[in-house]
Amino acid sequence: MSAETKPEAKSDSTPTATPAAFTNDKGDIVCPVTGDTIASPDKAVGHQDYNGKRYYFCCPGCPDQFKADPAKFEDGKALKKT
């Protein structure tokens, strides 16, 4: 028997580049919920892409708060009110 190669399954969606991370004015990755600095994406507890940006989270409770109302946290809006 000869080995047959099958074409890879194609997704209905077009692959896109990873969105830019949400950062503060210094270029540090920060949690949009708490404002805490995150050392690197692999140190985050998770992330959520929203309106062309990738938001990383510092602790387990932050993703749920963000997902409940992402517009509230977009671009650090909630952090600027404090």
PDB file of N, CA and C in Angstrom:
ATOM      1  N   MET A   1       0.831  -1.185   0.000  1.00  0.00           N
ATOM      2  CA  MET A   1       0.000   0.000   0.000  1.00  0.00           C
ATOM      3  C   MET A   1       0.871   1.243   0.000  1.00  0.00           C
ATOM      4  N   SER A   2       0.441   2.203  -0.738  1.00  0.00           N
ATOM      5  CA  SER A   2       1.200   3.445  -0.760  1.00  0.00           C
ATOM      6  C   SER A   2       0.621   4.414   0.263  1.00  0.00           C
ATOM      7  N   ALA A   3       1.486   5.208   0.810  1.00  0.00           N
ATOM      8  CA  ALA A   3       1.035   6.213   1.778  1.00  0.00           C
ATOM      9  C   ALA A   3       0.364   7.345   1.016  1.00  0.00           C
ATOM     10  N   GLU A   4      -0.783   7.706   1.467  1.00  0.00           N
ATOM     11  CA  GLU A   4      -1.538   8.769   0.811  1.00  0.00           C
ATOM     12  C   GLU A   4      -1.559   9.993   1.716  1.00  0.00           C
ATOM     13  N   THR A   5      -1.236  11.116   1.167  1.00  0.00           N
ATOM     14  CA  THR A   5      -1.293  12.330   1.976  1.00  0.00           C
ATOM     15  C   THR A   5      -2.588  13.043   1.686  1.00  0.00           C
ATOM     16  N   LYS A   6      -3.210  13.456   2.736  1.00  0.00           N
ATOM     17  CA  LYS A   6      -4.474  14.180   2.610  1.00  0.00           C
ATOM     18  C   LYS A   6      -4.208  15.660   2.803  1.00  0.00           C
ATOM     19  N   PRO A   7      -4.900  16.487   2.048  1.00  0.00           N
ATOM     20  CA  PRO A   7      -4.724  17.927   2.271  1.00  0.00           C
ATOM     21  C   PRO A   7      -5.229  18.307   3.651  1.00  0.00           C
ATOM     22  N   GLU A   8      -4.574  19.302   4.231  1.00  0.00           N
ATOM     23  CA  GLU A   8      -5.001  19.757   5.552  1.00  0.00           C
ATOM     24  C   GLU A   8      -6.381  20.377   5.462  1.00  0.00           C
ATOM     25  N   ALA A   9      -7.165  20.144   6.497  1.00  0.00           N
ATOM     26  CA  ALA A   9      -8.505  20.735   6.542  1.00  0.00           C
ATOM     27  C   ALA A   9      -8.376  22.245   6.632  1.00  0.00           C
ATOM     28  N   LYS A  10      -9.187  22.925   5.875  1.00  0.00           N
ATOM     29  CA  LYS A  10      -9.156  24.382   5.898  1.00  0.00           C
ATOM     30  C   LYS A  10     -10.264  24.908   6.787  1.00  0.00           C
ATOM     31  N   SER A  11      -9.938  25.912   7.514  1.00  0.00           N
ATOM     32  CA  SER A  11     -10.904  26.559   8.388  1.00  0.00           C
ATOM     33  C   SER A  11     -11.732  27.538   7.570  1.00  0.00           C
ATOM     34  N   ASP A  12     -12.953  27.777   8.008  1.00  0.00           N
ATOM     35  CA  ASP A  12     -13.800  28.761   7.347  1.00  0.00           C
ATOM     36  C   ASP A  12     -13.293  30.174   7.579  1.00  0.00           C
ATOM     37  N   SER A  13     -12.548  30.360   8.642  1.00  0.00           N
ATOM     38  CA  SER A  13     -12.060  31.705   8.949  1.00  0.00           C
ATOM     39  C   SER A  13     -10.628  31.860   8.450  1.00  0.00           C
ATOM     40  N   THR A  14     -10.302  33.035   8.032  1.00  0.00           N
ATOM     41  CA  THR A  14      -8.961  33.339   7.564  1.00  0.00           C
ATOM     42  C   THR A  14      -8.062  33.574   8.768  1.00  0.00           C
ATOM     43  N   PRO A  15      -6.880  32.936   8.776  1.00  0.00           N
ATOM     44  CA  PRO A  15      -5.981  33.157   9.907  1.00  0.00           C
ATOM     45  C   PRO A  15      -5.559  34.627   9.976  1.00  0.00           C
ATOM     46  N   THR A  16      -5.464  35.117  11.178  1.00  0.00           N
ATOM     47  CA  THR A  16      -5.077  36.514  11.362  1.00  0.00           C
ATOM     48  C   THR A  16      -3.869  36.590  12.280  1.00  0.00           C
ATOM     49  N   ALA A  17      -3.188  37.685  12.222  1.00  0.00           N
ATOM     50  CA  ALA A  17      -2.038  37.901  13.094  1.00  0.00           C
ATOM     51  C   ALA A  17      -2.513  38.103  14.527  1.00  0.00           C
ATOM     52  N   THR A  18      -1.646  37.783  15.467  1.00  0.00           N
ATOM     53  CA  THR A  18      -1.959  38.012  16.877  1.00  0.00           C
ATOM     54  C   THR A  18      -2.103  39.515  17.110  1.00  0.00           C
ATOM     55  N   PRO A  19      -3.190  39.925  17.739  1.00  0.00           N
ATOM     56  CA  PRO A  19      -3.372  41.361  18.011  1.00  0.00           C
ATOM     57  C   PRO A  19      -2.290  41.899  18.944  1.00  0.00           C
ATOM     58  N   ALA A  20      -2.038  43.176  18.851  1.00  0.00           N
ATOM     59  CA  ALA A  20      -1.072  43.825  19.741  1.00  0.00           C
ATOM     60  C   ALA A  20      -1.581  43.775  21.170  1.00  0.00           C
ATOM     61  N   ALA A  21      -0.662  43.589  22.097  1.00  0.00           N
ATOM     62  CA  ALA A  21      -1.024  43.541  23.515  1.00  0.00           C
ATOM     63  C   ALA A  21      -1.380  44.932  24.026  1.00  0.00           C
ATOM     64  N   PHE A  22      -2.322  44.968  24.959  1.00  0.00           N
ATOM     65  CA  PHE A  22      -2.663  46.209  25.658  1.00  0.00           C
ATOM     66  C   PHE A  22      -1.510  46.539  26.593  1.00  0.00           C
ATOM     67  N   THR A  23      -0.963  47.737  26.459  1.00  0.00           N
ATOM     68  CA  THR A  23       0.169  48.152  27.284  1.00  0.00           C
ATOM     69  C   THR A  23      -0.073  49.544  27.867  1.00  0.00           C
ATOM     70  N   ASN A  24       0.716  49.873  28.880  1.00  0.00           N
ATOM     71  CA  ASN A  24       0.646  51.229  29.443  1.00  0.00           C
ATOM     72  C   ASN A  24       1.558  52.154  28.634  1.00  0.00           C
ATOM     73  N   ASP A  25       1.698  53.387  29.065  1.00  0.00           N
ATOM     74  CA  ASP A  25       2.517  54.372  28.349  1.00  0.00           C
ATOM     75  C   ASP A  25       3.993  53.987  28.271  1.00  0.00           C
ATOM     76  N   LYS A  26       4.441  53.139  29.189  1.00  0.00           N
ATOM     77  CA  LYS A  26       5.838  52.700  29.204  1.00  0.00           C
ATOM     78  C   LYS A  26       6.067  51.481  28.315  1.00  0.00           C
ATOM     79  N   GLY A  27       4.984  50.911  27.784  1.00  0.00           N
ATOM     80  CA  GLY A  27       5.101  49.716  26.956  1.00  0.00           C
ATOM     81  C   GLY A  27       5.000  48.423  27.735  1.00  0.00           C
ATOM     82  N   ASP A  28       4.671  48.504  29.032  1.00  0.00           N
ATOM     83  CA  ASP A  28       4.505  47.310  29.866  1.00  0.00           C
ATOM     84  C   ASP A  28       3.132  46.702  29.619  1.00  0.00           C
ATOM     85  N   ILE A  29       3.070  45.375  29.592  1.00  0.00           N
ATOM     86  CA  ILE A  29       1.782  44.693  29.510  1.00  0.00           C
ATOM     87  C   ILE A  29       1.106  44.846  30.865  1.00  0.00           C
ATOM     88  N   VAL A  30      -0.130  45.314  30.869  1.00  0.00           N
ATOM     89  CA  VAL A  30      -0.857  45.502  32.123  1.00  0.00           C
ATOM     90  C   VAL A  30      -2.234  44.860  32.046  1.00  0.00           C
ATOM     91  N   CYS A  31      -2.710  44.427  33.193  1.00  0.00           N
ATOM     92  CA  CYS A  31      -4.059  43.880  33.303  1.00  0.00           C
ATOM     93  C   CYS A  31      -5.045  45.047  33.178  1.00  0.00           C
ATOM     94  N   PRO A  32      -6.042  44.950  32.295  1.00  0.00           N
ATOM     95  CA  PRO A  32      -6.985  46.053  32.134  1.00  0.00           C
ATOM     96  C   PRO A  32      -7.939  46.212  33.315  1.00  0.00           C
ATOM     97  N   VAL A  33      -8.020  45.187  34.154  1.00  0.00           N
ATOM     98  CA  VAL A  33      -8.940  45.225  35.294  1.00  0.00           C
ATOM     99  C   VAL A  33      -8.281  45.882  36.503  1.00  0.00           C
ATOM    100  N   THR A  34      -7.048  45.467  36.822  1.00  0.00           N
ATOM    101  CA  THR A  34      -6.380  45.961  38.027  1.00  0.00           C
ATOM    102  C   THR A  34      -5.289  46.992  37.756  1.00  0.00           C
ATOM    103  N   GLY A  35      -4.760  46.988  36.542  1.00  0.00           N
ATOM    104  CA  GLY A  35      -3.638  47.865  36.219  1.00  0.00           C
ATOM    105  C   GLY A  35      -2.293  47.286  36.608  1.00  0.00           C
ATOM    106  N   ASP A  36      -2.280  46.067  37.153  1.00  0.00           N
ATOM    107  CA  ASP A  36      -1.022  45.437  37.550  1.00  0.00           C
ATOM    108  C   ASP A  36      -0.193  45.086  36.319  1.00  0.00           C
ATOM    109  N   THR A  37       1.122  45.273  36.432  1.00  0.00           N
ATOM    110  CA  THR A  37       2.044  44.921  35.356  1.00  0.00           C
ATOM    111  C   THR A  37       2.180  43.407  35.287  1.00  0.00           C
ATOM    112  N   ILE A  38       2.221  42.888  34.067  1.00  0.00           N
ATOM    113  CA  ILE A  38       2.409  41.455  33.831  1.00  0.00           C
ATOM    114  C   ILE A  38       3.764  41.311  33.151  1.00  0.00           C
ATOM    115  N   ALA A  39       4.646  40.504  33.735  1.00  0.00           N
ATOM    116  CA  ALA A  39       6.030  40.395  33.268  1.00  0.00           C
ATOM    117  C   ALA A  39       6.130  39.981  31.799  1.00  0.00           C
ATOM    118  N   SER A  40       5.294  39.046  31.379  1.00  0.00           N
ATOM    119  CA  SER A  40       5.299  38.578  29.996  1.00  0.00           C
ATOM    120  C   SER A  40       3.982  37.850  29.733  1.00  0.00           C
ATOM    121  N   PRO A  41       3.609  37.686  28.478  1.00  0.00           N
ATOM    122  CA  PRO A  41       2.346  37.001  28.180  1.00  0.00           C
ATOM    123  C   PRO A  41       2.243  35.604  28.797  1.00  0.00           C
ATOM    124  N   ASP A  42       3.361  34.880  28.873  1.00  0.00           N
ATOM    125  CA  ASP A  42       3.299  33.535  29.449  1.00  0.00           C
ATOM    126  C   ASP A  42       3.126  33.548  30.965  1.00  0.00           C
ATOM    127  N   LYS A  43       3.277  34.697  31.599  1.00  0.00           N
ATOM    128  CA  LYS A  43       3.040  34.826  33.044  1.00  0.00           C
ATOM    129  C   LYS A  43       1.583  35.190  33.351  1.00  0.00           C
ATOM    130  N   ALA A  44       0.819  35.556  32.334  1.00  0.00           N
ATOM    131  CA  ALA A  44      -0.589  35.923  32.524  1.00  0.00           C
ATOM    132  C   ALA A  44      -1.431  34.676  32.782  1.00  0.00           C
ATOM    133  N   VAL A  45      -2.571  34.858  33.451  1.00  0.00           N
ATOM    134  CA  VAL A  45      -3.468  33.730  33.709  1.00  0.00           C
ATOM    135  C   VAL A  45      -4.403  33.483  32.529  1.00  0.00           C
ATOM    136  N   GLY A  46      -4.362  34.347  31.560  1.00  0.00           N
ATOM    137  CA  GLY A  46      -5.186  34.183  30.366  1.00  0.00           C
ATOM    138  C   GLY A  46      -5.205  35.469  29.576  1.00  0.00           C
ATOM    139  N   HIS A  47      -5.918  35.419  28.462  1.00  0.00           N
ATOM    140  CA  HIS A  47      -6.047  36.626  27.646  1.00  0.00           C
ATOM    141  C   HIS A  47      -7.379  36.622  26.917  1.00  0.00           C
ATOM    142  N   GLN A  48      -7.759  37.779  26.443  1.00  0.00           N
ATOM    143  CA  GLN A  48      -8.989  37.953  25.665  1.00  0.00           C
ATOM    144  C   GLN A  48      -8.684  38.972  24.574  1.00  0.00           C
ATOM    145  N   ASP A  49      -9.059  38.649  23.338  1.00  0.00           N
ATOM    146  CA  ASP A  49      -8.909  39.595  22.240  1.00  0.00           C
ATOM    147  C   ASP A  49     -10.198  40.396  22.120  1.00  0.00           C
ATOM    148  N   TYR A  50     -10.065  41.702  21.999  1.00  0.00           N
ATOM    149  CA  TYR A  50     -11.231  42.577  21.909  1.00  0.00           C
ATOM    150  C   TYR A  50     -10.873  43.803  21.081  1.00  0.00           C
ATOM    151  N   ASN A  51     -11.648  44.065  20.066  1.00  0.00           N
ATOM    152  CA  ASN A  51     -11.465  45.242  19.197  1.00  0.00           C
ATOM    153  C   ASN A  51     -10.017  45.446  18.744  1.00  0.00           C
ATOM    154  N   GLY A  52      -9.390  44.358  18.315  1.00  0.00           N
ATOM    155  CA  GLY A  52      -8.053  44.465  17.741  1.00  0.00           C
ATOM    156  C   GLY A  52      -6.903  44.525  18.718  1.00  0.00           C
ATOM    157  N   LYS A  53      -7.173  44.309  19.992  1.00  0.00           N
ATOM    158  CA  LYS A  53      -6.103  44.269  20.996  1.00  0.00           C
ATOM    159  C   LYS A  53      -6.227  42.986  21.801  1.00  0.00           C
ATOM    160  N   ARG A  54      -5.095  42.535  22.314  1.00  0.00           N
ATOM    161  CA  ARG A  54      -5.072  41.371  23.195  1.00  0.00           C
ATOM    162  C   ARG A  54      -4.854  41.866  24.617  1.00  0.00           C
ATOM    163  N   TYR A  55      -5.786  41.517  25.486  1.00  0.00           N
ATOM    164  CA  TYR A  55      -5.741  41.917  26.894  1.00  0.00           C
ATOM    165  C   TYR A  55      -5.316  40.710  27.731  1.00  0.00           C
ATOM    166  N   TYR A  56      -4.257  40.864  28.518  1.00  0.00           N
ATOM    167  CA  TYR A  56      -3.757  39.811  29.399  1.00  0.00           C
ATOM    168  C   TYR A  56      -4.210  40.108  30.823  1.00  0.00           C
ATOM    169  N   PHE A  57      -4.393  39.032  31.603  1.00  0.00           N
ATOM    170  CA  PHE A  57      -4.936  39.171  32.955  1.00  0.00           C
ATOM    171  C   PHE A  57      -3.958  38.668  34.008  1.00  0.00           C
ATOM    172  N   CYS A  58      -3.975  39.355  35.163  1.00  0.00           N
ATOM    173  CA  CYS A  58      -3.018  39.069  36.232  1.00  0.00           C
ATOM    174  C   CYS A  58      -3.487  37.991  37.206  1.00  0.00           C
ATOM    175  N   CYS A  59      -4.790  37.822  37.363  1.00  0.00           N
ATOM    176  CA  CYS A  59      -5.287  36.859  38.347  1.00  0.00           C
ATOM    177  C   CYS A  59      -6.564  36.184  37.832  1.00  0.00           C
ATOM    178  N   PRO A  60      -6.959  35.075  38.435  1.00  0.00           N
ATOM    179  CA  PRO A  60      -8.088  34.297  37.931  1.00  0.00           C
ATOM    180  C   PRO A  60      -9.427  35.024  37.863  1.00  0.00           C
ATOM    181  N   GLY A  61      -9.666  36.026  38.683  1.00  0.00           N
ATOM    182  CA  GLY A  61     -10.947  36.726  38.662  1.00  0.00           C
ATOM    183  C   GLY A  61     -11.074  37.764  37.553  1.00  0.00           C
ATOM    184  N   CYS A  62      -9.954  38.193  37.009  1.00  0.00           N
ATOM    185  CA  CYS A  62      -9.982  39.281  36.019  1.00  0.00           C
ATOM    186  C   CYS A  62     -10.635  38.915  34.682  1.00  0.00           C
ATOM    187  N   PRO A  63     -10.386  37.726  34.119  1.00  0.00           N
ATOM    188  CA  PRO A  63     -11.022  37.423  32.834  1.00  0.00           C
ATOM    189  C   PRO A  63     -12.548  37.498  32.880  1.00  0.00           C
ATOM    190  N   ASP A  64     -13.153  37.001  33.946  1.00  0.00           N
ATOM    191  CA  ASP A  64     -14.618  37.034  34.050  1.00  0.00           C
ATOM    192  C   ASP A  64     -15.143  38.462  34.140  1.00  0.00           C
ATOM    193  N   GLN A  65     -14.446  39.308  34.885  1.00  0.00           N
ATOM    194  CA  GLN A  65     -14.863  40.713  34.977  1.00  0.00           C
ATOM    195  C   GLN A  65     -14.768  41.386  33.611  1.00  0.00           C
ATOM    196  N   PHE A  66     -13.689  41.115  32.897  1.00  0.00           N
ATOM    197  CA  PHE A  66     -13.495  41.704  31.575  1.00  0.00           C
ATOM    198  C   PHE A  66     -14.564  41.209  30.596  1.00  0.00           C
ATOM    199  N   LYS A  67     -14.794  39.907  30.581  1.00  0.00           N
ATOM    200  CA  LYS A  67     -15.771  39.326  29.649  1.00  0.00           C
ATOM    201  C   LYS A  67     -17.187  39.832  29.913  1.00  0.00           C
ATOM    202  N   ALA A  68     -17.497  40.161  31.155  1.00  0.00           N
ATOM    203  CA  ALA A  68     -18.837  40.650  31.499  1.00  0.00           C
ATOM    204  C   ALA A  68     -19.117  42.012  30.867  1.00  0.00           C
ATOM    205  N   ASP A  69     -18.078  42.830  30.698  1.00  0.00           N
ATOM    206  CA  ASP A  69     -18.261  44.172  30.125  1.00  0.00           C
ATOM    207  C   ASP A  69     -16.937  44.662  29.537  1.00  0.00           C
ATOM    208  N   PRO A  70     -16.507  44.092  28.408  1.00  0.00           N
ATOM    209  CA  PRO A  70     -15.200  44.460  27.867  1.00  0.00           C
ATOM    210  C   PRO A  70     -15.060  45.938  27.523  1.00  0.00           C
ATOM    211  N   ALA A  71     -16.138  46.586  27.103  1.00  0.00           N
ATOM    212  CA  ALA A  71     -16.063  48.008  26.749  1.00  0.00           C
ATOM    213  C   ALA A  71     -15.655  48.859  27.956  1.00  0.00           C
ATOM    214  N   LYS A  72     -16.026  48.407  29.148  1.00  0.00           N
ATOM    215  CA  LYS A  72     -15.677  49.136  30.376  1.00  0.00           C
ATOM    216  C   LYS A  72     -14.158  49.167  30.584  1.00  0.00           C
ATOM    217  N   PHE A  73     -13.481  48.104  30.147  1.00  0.00           N
ATOM    218  CA  PHE A  73     -12.045  47.967  30.386  1.00  0.00           C
ATOM    219  C   PHE A  73     -11.193  48.257  29.154  1.00  0.00           C
ATOM    220  N   GLU A  74     -11.826  48.475  28.012  1.00  0.00           N
ATOM    221  CA  GLU A  74     -11.103  48.703  26.763  1.00  0.00           C
ATOM    222  C   GLU A  74     -10.142  49.884  26.903  1.00  0.00           C
ATOM    223  N   ASP A  75      -8.919  49.673  26.450  1.00  0.00           N
ATOM    224  CA  ASP A  75      -7.884  50.714  26.472  1.00  0.00           C
ATOM    225  C   ASP A  75      -7.665  51.333  27.848  1.00  0.00           C
ATOM    226  N   GLY A  76      -7.956  50.595  28.908  1.00  0.00           N
ATOM    227  CA  GLY A  76      -7.706  51.084  30.262  1.00  0.00           C
ATOM    228  C   GLY A  76      -8.708  52.101  30.764  1.00  0.00           C
ATOM    229  N   LYS A  77      -9.893  52.146  30.161  1.00  0.00           N
ATOM    230  CA  LYS A  77     -10.916  53.127  30.577  1.00  0.00           C
ATOM    231  C   LYS A  77     -11.201  53.059  32.068  1.00  0.00           C
ATOM    232  N   ALA A  78     -11.339  51.859  32.603  1.00  0.00           N
ATOM    233  CA  ALA A  78     -11.653  51.705  34.028  1.00  0.00           C
ATOM    234  C   ALA A  78     -10.490  52.179  34.894  1.00  0.00           C
ATOM    235  N   LEU A  79      -9.272  52.020  34.412  1.00  0.00           N
ATOM    236  CA  LEU A  79      -8.097  52.427  35.188  1.00  0.00           C
ATOM    237  C   LEU A  79      -7.961  53.939  35.244  1.00  0.00           C
ATOM    238  N   LYS A  80      -8.381  54.622  34.209  1.00  0.00           N
ATOM    239  CA  LYS A  80      -8.254  56.078  34.145  1.00  0.00           C
ATOM    240  C   LYS A  80      -9.219  56.787  35.082  1.00  0.00           C
ATOM    241  N   LYS A  81     -10.270  56.091  35.521  1.00  0.00           N
ATOM    242  CA  LYS A  81     -11.256  56.693  36.425  1.00  0.00           C
ATOM    243  C   LYS A  81     -10.772  56.723  37.859  1.00  0.00           C
ATOM    244  N   THR A  82      -9.737  55.943  38.166  1.00  0.00           N
ATOM    245  CA  THR A  82      -9.244  55.882  39.542  1.00  0.00           C
ATOM    246  C   THR A  82      -8.183  56.913  39.794  1.00  0.00           C
TER     247      THR A  82
END
